[in-house]
C-alpha atoms as a PDB file:
ATOM      1  CA  MET A   1      -0.046   0.045  -0.043  1.00  0.00           C
ATOM      2  CA  ASP A   2       1.258   3.442  -0.783  1.00  0.00           C
ATOM      3  CA  ARG A   3       2.725   5.059   2.123  1.00  0.00           C
ATOM      4  CA  ARG A   4       0.525   8.519   1.752  1.00  0.00           C
ATOM      5  CA  PHE A   5      -2.585   6.180   2.490  1.00  0.00           C
ATOM      6  CA  CYS A   6      -0.852   4.705   5.652  1.00  0.00           C
ATOM      7  CA  GLN A   7       0.153   8.190   7.005  1.00  0.00           C
ATOM      8  CA  PHE A   8      -2.809  10.142   6.003  1.00  0.00           C
ATOM      9  CA  GLY A   9      -5.157   8.101   8.345  1.00  0.00           C
ATOM     10  CA  PRO A  10      -3.312   8.282  11.743  1.00  0.00           C
ATOM     11  CA  ASP A  11      -2.174  11.912  11.556  1.00  0.00           C
ATOM     12  CA  PRO A  12      -5.777  13.465  11.950  1.00  0.00           C
ATOM     13  CA  LEU A  13      -6.816  10.655  14.481  1.00  0.00           C
ATOM     14  CA  LEU A  14      -3.760  11.020  16.706  1.00  0.00           C
ATOM     15  CA  ARG A  15      -3.292  14.829  16.678  1.00  0.00           C
ATOM     16  CA  SER A  16      -2.631  15.029  20.332  1.00  0.00           C
ATOM     17  CA  HIS A  17       0.490  12.830  20.145  1.00  0.00           C
ATOM     18  CA  PHE A  18       2.000  14.961  17.323  1.00  0.00           C
ATOM     19  CA  ILE A  19       1.034  18.514  18.546  1.00  0.00           C
ATOM     20  CA  LEU A  20       3.495  19.675  21.602  1.00  0.00           C
ATOM     21  CA  LYS A  21       3.211  23.453  20.863  1.00  0.00           C
ATOM     22  CA  PRO A  22       0.341  25.602  19.475  1.00  0.00           C
ATOM     23  CA  GLU A  23       2.528  26.294  16.356  1.00  0.00           C
ATOM     24  CA  ASP A  24       2.840  22.393  15.612  1.00  0.00           C
ATOM     25  CA  ALA A  25      -0.893  22.497  14.843  1.00  0.00           C
ATOM     26  CA  GLN A  26      -0.402  24.740  12.040  1.00  0.00           C
ATOM     27  CA  THR A  27       2.435  22.817  10.620  1.00  0.00           C
ATOM     28  CA  LEU A  28       0.367  19.489  10.946  1.00  0.00           C
ATOM     29  CA  ASN A  29      -2.541  21.099   9.037  1.00  0.00           C
ATOM     30  CA  GLY A  30      -0.041  22.277   6.262  1.00  0.00           C
ATOM     31  CA  LEU A  31       1.161  18.560   6.036  1.00  0.00           C
ATOM     32  CA  LEU A  32      -2.172  17.108   5.832  1.00  0.00           C
ATOM     33  CA  GLY A  33      -3.173  19.674   3.158  1.00  0.00           C
ATOM     34  CA  THR A  34      -0.091  18.667   1.086  1.00  0.00           C
ATOM     35  CA  GLU A  35      -0.601  14.934   1.694  1.00  0.00           C
ATOM     36  CA  ALA A  36      -4.229  15.432   0.672  1.00  0.00           C
ATOM     37  CA  LEU A  37      -3.143  17.293  -2.631  1.00  0.00           C
ATOM     38  CA  LEU A  38      -0.623  14.711  -3.487  1.00  0.00           C
ATOM     39  CA  LEU A  39      -3.110  11.917  -2.956  1.00  0.00           C
ATOM     40  CA  GLY A  40      -5.701  13.407  -5.114  1.00  0.00           C
ATOM     41  CA  VAL A  41      -3.044  13.818  -7.945  1.00  0.00           C
ATOM     42  CA  PHE A  42      -1.852  10.257  -7.324  1.00  0.00           C
ATOM     43  CA  ILE A  43      -5.743   9.072  -7.418  1.00  0.00           C
ATOM     44  CA  LEU A  44      -6.165  11.210 -10.752  1.00  0.00           C
ATOM     45  CA  LEU A  45      -3.061   9.870 -12.407  1.00  0.00           C
ATOM     46  CA  MET A  46      -3.881   6.356 -11.509  1.00  0.00           C
ATOM     47  CA  GLY A  47      -7.408   6.821 -13.155  1.00  0.00           C
ATOM     48  CA  LEU A  48      -5.902   8.200 -16.338  1.00  0.00           C
ATOM     49  CA  LYS A  49      -3.474   5.437 -16.663  1.00  0.00           C
ATOM     50  CA  LYS A  50      -6.404   3.209 -17.518  1.00  0.00           C
END
């Protein structure tokens, strides 16, 4: 399974384990947004491949 699928699930569910300082929440949100964008591009490309 693609690593992006494996990481995208636990990050939002286990936020309290990753956020130690308030600014870490903004960083995690940026990472999740980037992962969502990359996952969308990956799914789009997989669909176009067929």
